[in-house]
Amino acid sequence: RGEDGQDFREERRLEVSEPACQLRGDQPNPTLYDGPGTNYNALDVLDVSQRGAIYSPDRRDVSAQWVRLNAPEAHRGKWLSASALVCGGFTPDKLRSIEREQIPPTLNA
């Protein structure tokens, strides 16, 4: 309540500096791509048996269906389906969106 006795609502936006996510265990081994979507080149496959590994996304695509990884170092800049992750304290759709012109074109585009 404010000083005048009226209820008010205040929204605050907190940025997570190093978001920590882990692989979901209920999906097959997810694939990493060089862009946000299966129309990009597949680069690597993650092993869901290593669920304890921490993945840190730094951006999402406009649809929030894909996230770009910042860590671990071996996967920096690679893209992963957001549905493959479980994140602590936030959801991937809250990440900052990457600008379309920053996403590499595909051969299929």
N, C-alpha and C. Protein backbone atom coordinates (compact mmCIF):
# COMPACT_ATOMS: atom_id res chain seq x y z
N ARG A 1 0.84 -1.19 0.00
CA ARG A 1 0.00 0.00 0.00
C ARG A 1 0.88 1.24 0.00
N GLY A 2 0.39 2.23 -0.70
CA GLY A 2 1.09 3.50 -0.74
C GLY A 2 0.77 4.34 0.49
N GLU A 3 1.40 5.49 0.57
CA GLU A 3 1.17 6.39 1.71
C GLU A 3 -0.28 6.85 1.79
N ASP A 4 -0.97 6.85 0.63
CA ASP A 4 -2.36 7.28 0.62
C ASP A 4 -3.33 6.15 0.95
N GLY A 5 -2.79 4.96 1.28
CA GLY A 5 -3.63 3.83 1.64
C GLY A 5 -4.13 3.02 0.46
N GLN A 6 -3.80 3.43 -0.75
CA GLN A 6 -4.24 2.72 -1.95
C GLN A 6 -3.25 1.62 -2.31
N ASP A 7 -3.79 0.50 -2.78
CA ASP A 7 -2.93 -0.58 -3.26
C ASP A 7 -2.29 -0.16 -4.57
N PHE A 8 -1.07 -0.58 -4.77
CA PHE A 8 -0.42 -0.32 -6.04
C PHE A 8 0.42 -1.53 -6.41
N ARG A 9 0.75 -1.58 -7.67
CA ARG A 9 1.54 -2.70 -8.18
C ARG A 9 2.80 -2.14 -8.83
N GLU A 10 3.91 -2.71 -8.47
CA GLU A 10 5.19 -2.28 -9.04
C GLU A 10 5.87 -3.50 -9.64
N GLU A 11 6.25 -3.40 -10.90
CA GLU A 11 6.95 -4.50 -11.55
C GLU A 11 8.43 -4.18 -11.59
N ARG A 12 9.22 -5.20 -11.32
CA ARG A 12 10.67 -5.06 -11.39
C ARG A 12 11.21 -6.15 -12.29
N ARG A 13 12.19 -5.79 -13.06
CA ARG A 13 12.82 -6.76 -13.96
C ARG A 13 14.24 -6.98 -13.48
N LEU A 14 14.54 -8.22 -13.14
CA LEU A 14 15.87 -8.58 -12.69
C LEU A 14 16.54 -9.41 -13.78
N GLU A 15 17.76 -9.07 -14.08
CA GLU A 15 18.49 -9.82 -15.09
C GLU A 15 19.35 -10.87 -14.40
N VAL A 16 19.25 -12.10 -14.87
CA VAL A 16 20.06 -13.19 -14.34
C VAL A 16 21.39 -13.14 -15.07
N SER A 17 22.48 -12.93 -14.33
CA SER A 17 23.77 -12.73 -14.99
C SER A 17 24.34 -14.03 -15.56
N GLU A 18 24.19 -15.12 -14.87
CA GLU A 18 24.68 -16.40 -15.38
C GLU A 18 23.61 -17.46 -15.12
N PRO A 19 22.62 -17.54 -16.01
CA PRO A 19 21.54 -18.50 -15.79
C PRO A 19 22.06 -19.94 -15.81
N ALA A 20 21.53 -20.75 -14.93
CA ALA A 20 21.95 -22.15 -14.83
C ALA A 20 20.79 -23.06 -15.19
N CYS A 21 21.01 -23.91 -16.18
CA CYS A 21 20.00 -24.85 -16.64
C CYS A 21 20.61 -26.24 -16.71
N GLN A 22 19.74 -27.23 -16.68
CA GLN A 22 20.16 -28.61 -16.85
C GLN A 22 19.27 -29.26 -17.90
N LEU A 23 19.74 -30.35 -18.47
CA LEU A 23 18.95 -31.07 -19.46
C LEU A 23 17.78 -31.77 -18.79
N ARG A 24 16.65 -31.74 -19.46
CA ARG A 24 15.49 -32.50 -18.99
C ARG A 24 15.79 -33.98 -19.18
N GLY A 25 15.35 -34.79 -18.29
CA GLY A 25 15.61 -36.22 -18.39
C GLY A 25 14.55 -36.99 -19.13
N ASP A 26 13.45 -36.32 -19.50
CA ASP A 26 12.33 -37.02 -20.11
C ASP A 26 12.30 -36.90 -21.63
N GLN A 27 13.41 -36.47 -22.22
CA GLN A 27 13.48 -36.31 -23.68
C GLN A 27 14.70 -37.06 -24.21
N PRO A 28 14.67 -37.43 -25.48
CA PRO A 28 15.85 -38.07 -26.06
C PRO A 28 17.02 -37.08 -26.10
N ASN A 29 18.19 -37.57 -26.39
CA ASN A 29 19.38 -36.72 -26.42
C ASN A 29 19.19 -35.55 -27.38
N PRO A 30 19.24 -34.31 -26.87
CA PRO A 30 19.01 -33.14 -27.72
C PRO A 30 20.21 -32.81 -28.61
N THR A 31 19.91 -32.23 -29.75
CA THR A 31 20.93 -31.87 -30.74
C THR A 31 21.22 -30.37 -30.65
N LEU A 32 22.49 -30.03 -30.79
CA LEU A 32 22.92 -28.63 -30.87
C LEU A 32 23.04 -28.25 -32.34
N TYR A 33 22.64 -27.02 -32.67
CA TYR A 33 22.67 -26.53 -34.04
C TYR A 33 23.46 -25.23 -34.12
N ASP A 34 23.84 -24.83 -35.34
CA ASP A 34 24.57 -23.57 -35.49
C ASP A 34 23.64 -22.38 -35.66
N GLY A 35 22.36 -22.58 -35.48
CA GLY A 35 21.36 -21.52 -35.51
C GLY A 35 20.10 -22.01 -34.83
N PRO A 36 19.11 -21.15 -34.65
CA PRO A 36 17.89 -21.51 -33.92
C PRO A 36 16.86 -22.26 -34.76
N GLY A 37 17.08 -23.56 -34.93
CA GLY A 37 16.12 -24.37 -35.65
C GLY A 37 16.76 -25.59 -36.28
N THR A 38 15.93 -26.56 -36.61
CA THR A 38 16.43 -27.79 -37.21
C THR A 38 16.83 -27.61 -38.66
N ASN A 39 16.54 -26.44 -39.24
CA ASN A 39 16.97 -26.16 -40.61
C ASN A 39 18.42 -25.69 -40.66
N TYR A 40 19.06 -25.55 -39.50
CA TYR A 40 20.49 -25.22 -39.42
C TYR A 40 21.29 -26.51 -39.32
N ASN A 41 22.60 -26.39 -39.47
CA ASN A 41 23.48 -27.56 -39.39
C ASN A 41 23.50 -28.14 -37.98
N ALA A 42 23.33 -29.45 -37.87
CA ALA A 42 23.47 -30.14 -36.59
C ALA A 42 24.96 -30.23 -36.27
N LEU A 43 25.33 -29.85 -35.05
CA LEU A 43 26.74 -29.80 -34.67
C LEU A 43 27.15 -30.86 -33.67
N ASP A 44 26.25 -31.21 -32.76
CA ASP A 44 26.61 -32.10 -31.67
C ASP A 44 25.33 -32.64 -31.04
N VAL A 45 25.45 -33.75 -30.35
CA VAL A 45 24.32 -34.32 -29.62
C VAL A 45 24.72 -34.40 -28.15
N LEU A 46 23.85 -33.90 -27.28
CA LEU A 46 24.12 -33.93 -25.84
C LEU A 46 23.60 -35.23 -25.25
N ASP A 47 24.26 -35.71 -24.23
CA ASP A 47 23.91 -36.97 -23.58
C ASP A 47 23.07 -36.68 -22.34
N VAL A 48 21.78 -37.05 -22.37
CA VAL A 48 20.91 -36.76 -21.23
C VAL A 48 21.30 -37.53 -19.98
N SER A 49 22.15 -38.54 -20.10
CA SER A 49 22.59 -39.25 -18.90
C SER A 49 23.49 -38.35 -18.05
N GLN A 50 23.96 -37.24 -18.62
CA GLN A 50 24.77 -36.28 -17.88
C GLN A 50 23.91 -35.10 -17.44
N ARG A 51 22.76 -35.40 -16.85
CA ARG A 51 21.79 -34.37 -16.45
C ARG A 51 22.35 -33.35 -15.47
N GLY A 52 23.37 -33.69 -14.72
CA GLY A 52 23.92 -32.77 -13.74
C GLY A 52 24.74 -31.65 -14.34
N ALA A 53 25.10 -31.76 -15.61
CA ALA A 53 25.90 -30.72 -16.25
C ALA A 53 25.11 -29.42 -16.32
N ILE A 54 25.79 -28.30 -16.15
CA ILE A 54 25.15 -26.99 -16.17
C ILE A 54 25.35 -26.35 -17.54
N TYR A 55 24.26 -25.88 -18.11
CA TYR A 55 24.27 -25.16 -19.39
C TYR A 55 23.75 -23.76 -19.12
N SER A 56 24.43 -22.78 -19.67
CA SER A 56 24.07 -21.39 -19.43
C SER A 56 23.70 -20.70 -20.74
N PRO A 57 22.40 -20.51 -21.01
CA PRO A 57 22.00 -19.80 -22.22
C PRO A 57 22.14 -18.29 -22.02
N ASP A 58 22.49 -17.57 -23.09
CA ASP A 58 22.61 -16.12 -22.97
C ASP A 58 21.60 -15.36 -23.82
N ARG A 59 21.00 -16.00 -24.79
CA ARG A 59 20.01 -15.35 -25.65
C ARG A 59 18.97 -16.38 -26.09
N ARG A 60 17.87 -15.87 -26.62
CA ARG A 60 16.83 -16.72 -27.20
C ARG A 60 16.47 -16.16 -28.57
N ASP A 61 15.82 -16.98 -29.38
CA ASP A 61 15.32 -16.46 -30.65
C ASP A 61 14.00 -15.73 -30.40
N VAL A 62 13.45 -15.10 -31.40
CA VAL A 62 12.23 -14.31 -31.25
C VAL A 62 11.06 -15.15 -30.75
N SER A 63 10.99 -16.41 -31.18
CA SER A 63 9.88 -17.28 -30.77
C SER A 63 10.06 -17.84 -29.36
N ALA A 64 11.25 -17.70 -28.79
CA ALA A 64 11.61 -18.26 -27.47
C ALA A 64 11.59 -19.79 -27.47
N GLN A 65 11.66 -20.40 -28.65
CA GLN A 65 11.71 -21.86 -28.73
C GLN A 65 13.14 -22.38 -28.78
N TRP A 66 14.10 -21.49 -29.03
CA TRP A 66 15.51 -21.86 -29.13
C TRP A 66 16.34 -20.92 -28.28
N VAL A 67 17.38 -21.47 -27.64
CA VAL A 67 18.30 -20.66 -26.84
C VAL A 67 19.73 -20.87 -27.34
N ARG A 68 20.52 -19.79 -27.24
CA ARG A 68 21.94 -19.87 -27.59
C ARG A 68 22.72 -20.08 -26.31
N LEU A 69 23.61 -21.06 -26.32
CA LEU A 69 24.39 -21.37 -25.12
C LEU A 69 25.63 -20.48 -25.02
N ASN A 70 25.92 -20.08 -23.80
CA ASN A 70 27.13 -19.32 -23.50
C ASN A 70 28.14 -20.19 -22.77
N ALA A 71 27.67 -21.23 -22.09
CA ALA A 71 28.54 -22.14 -21.36
C ALA A 71 27.87 -23.51 -21.33
N PRO A 72 28.64 -24.57 -21.27
CA PRO A 72 30.09 -24.62 -21.15
C PRO A 72 30.79 -24.14 -22.42
N GLU A 73 32.05 -23.84 -22.28
CA GLU A 73 32.86 -23.28 -23.37
C GLU A 73 32.76 -24.10 -24.66
N ALA A 74 32.75 -25.42 -24.54
CA ALA A 74 32.70 -26.29 -25.73
C ALA A 74 31.43 -26.09 -26.55
N HIS A 75 30.39 -25.55 -25.94
CA HIS A 75 29.11 -25.37 -26.64
C HIS A 75 28.74 -23.90 -26.84
N ARG A 76 29.66 -22.99 -26.55
CA ARG A 76 29.38 -21.56 -26.68
C ARG A 76 28.98 -21.21 -28.11
N GLY A 77 27.86 -20.49 -28.23
CA GLY A 77 27.38 -20.04 -29.54
C GLY A 77 26.50 -21.05 -30.26
N LYS A 78 26.35 -22.24 -29.71
CA LYS A 78 25.50 -23.26 -30.32
C LYS A 78 24.07 -23.10 -29.80
N TRP A 79 23.13 -23.55 -30.60
CA TRP A 79 21.71 -23.39 -30.29
C TRP A 79 21.08 -24.71 -29.89
N LEU A 80 20.16 -24.63 -28.92
CA LEU A 80 19.50 -25.80 -28.36
C LEU A 80 18.02 -25.48 -28.20
N SER A 81 17.17 -26.46 -28.42
CA SER A 81 15.74 -26.26 -28.19
C SER A 81 15.51 -25.91 -26.72
N ALA A 82 14.77 -24.85 -26.46
CA ALA A 82 14.51 -24.42 -25.08
C ALA A 82 13.77 -25.50 -24.30
N SER A 83 13.00 -26.32 -24.98
CA SER A 83 12.24 -27.37 -24.28
C SER A 83 13.14 -28.48 -23.74
N ALA A 84 14.41 -28.50 -24.14
CA ALA A 84 15.34 -29.52 -23.66
C ALA A 84 15.93 -29.16 -22.29
N LEU A 85 15.66 -27.93 -21.81
CA LEU A 85 16.27 -27.46 -20.57
C LEU A 85 15.27 -27.23 -19.45
N VAL A 86 15.75 -27.41 -18.24
CA VAL A 86 15.05 -27.01 -17.03
C VAL A 86 15.98 -26.01 -16.35
N CYS A 87 15.47 -24.80 -16.11
CA CYS A 87 16.33 -23.73 -15.58
C CYS A 87 15.89 -23.35 -14.17
N GLY A 88 16.86 -22.97 -13.37
CA GLY A 88 16.58 -22.57 -11.99
C GLY A 88 16.26 -21.10 -11.88
N GLY A 89 15.07 -20.78 -11.39
CA GLY A 89 14.71 -19.40 -11.10
C GLY A 89 14.23 -18.57 -12.27
N PHE A 90 14.15 -19.14 -13.46
CA PHE A 90 13.65 -18.39 -14.61
C PHE A 90 13.26 -19.38 -15.70
N THR A 91 12.58 -18.88 -16.71
CA THR A 91 12.27 -19.69 -17.89
C THR A 91 12.99 -19.06 -19.08
N PRO A 92 13.41 -19.88 -20.05
CA PRO A 92 14.18 -19.35 -21.18
C PRO A 92 13.49 -18.22 -21.95
N ASP A 93 12.16 -18.15 -21.91
CA ASP A 93 11.48 -17.07 -22.63
C ASP A 93 11.77 -15.70 -22.01
N LYS A 94 12.36 -15.68 -20.82
CA LYS A 94 12.71 -14.41 -20.16
C LYS A 94 14.09 -13.91 -20.57
N LEU A 95 14.84 -14.71 -21.33
CA LEU A 95 16.14 -14.27 -21.81
C LEU A 95 15.96 -13.15 -22.83
N ARG A 96 16.99 -12.35 -23.01
CA ARG A 96 16.97 -11.30 -24.01
C ARG A 96 16.95 -11.93 -25.40
N SER A 97 16.10 -11.41 -26.26
CA SER A 97 15.98 -11.92 -27.62
C SER A 97 17.16 -11.44 -28.47
N ILE A 98 17.66 -12.32 -29.31
CA ILE A 98 18.74 -11.95 -30.22
C ILE A 98 18.12 -11.30 -31.45
N GLU A 99 18.79 -10.32 -31.99
CA GLU A 99 18.30 -9.64 -33.19
C GLU A 99 18.39 -10.57 -34.39
N ARG A 100 17.39 -10.53 -35.23
CA ARG A 100 17.33 -11.42 -36.39
C ARG A 100 18.59 -11.31 -37.26
N GLU A 101 19.13 -10.10 -37.41
CA GLU A 101 20.32 -9.94 -38.25
C GLU A 101 21.58 -10.51 -37.61
N GLN A 102 21.52 -10.87 -36.33
CA GLN A 102 22.66 -11.50 -35.66
C GLN A 102 22.64 -13.02 -35.81
N ILE A 103 21.57 -13.55 -36.36
CA ILE A 103 21.45 -14.99 -36.55
C ILE A 103 21.98 -15.34 -37.93
N PRO A 104 22.87 -16.32 -38.03
CA PRO A 104 23.42 -16.65 -39.34
C PRO A 104 22.35 -17.19 -40.29
N PRO A 105 22.45 -16.86 -41.58
CA PRO A 105 21.48 -17.39 -42.54
C PRO A 105 21.71 -18.89 -42.74
N THR A 106 20.69 -19.56 -43.22
CA THR A 106 20.82 -20.99 -43.52
C THR A 106 20.89 -21.17 -45.03
N LEU A 107 21.35 -22.33 -45.43
CA LEU A 107 21.34 -22.66 -46.85
C LEU A 107 19.92 -22.88 -47.33
N ASN A 108 19.02 -23.22 -46.38
CA ASN A 108 17.62 -23.51 -46.71
C ASN A 108 16.75 -22.26 -46.69
N ALA A 109 17.31 -21.11 -46.26
CA ALA A 109 16.50 -19.90 -46.09
C ALA A 109 16.14 -19.27 -47.41
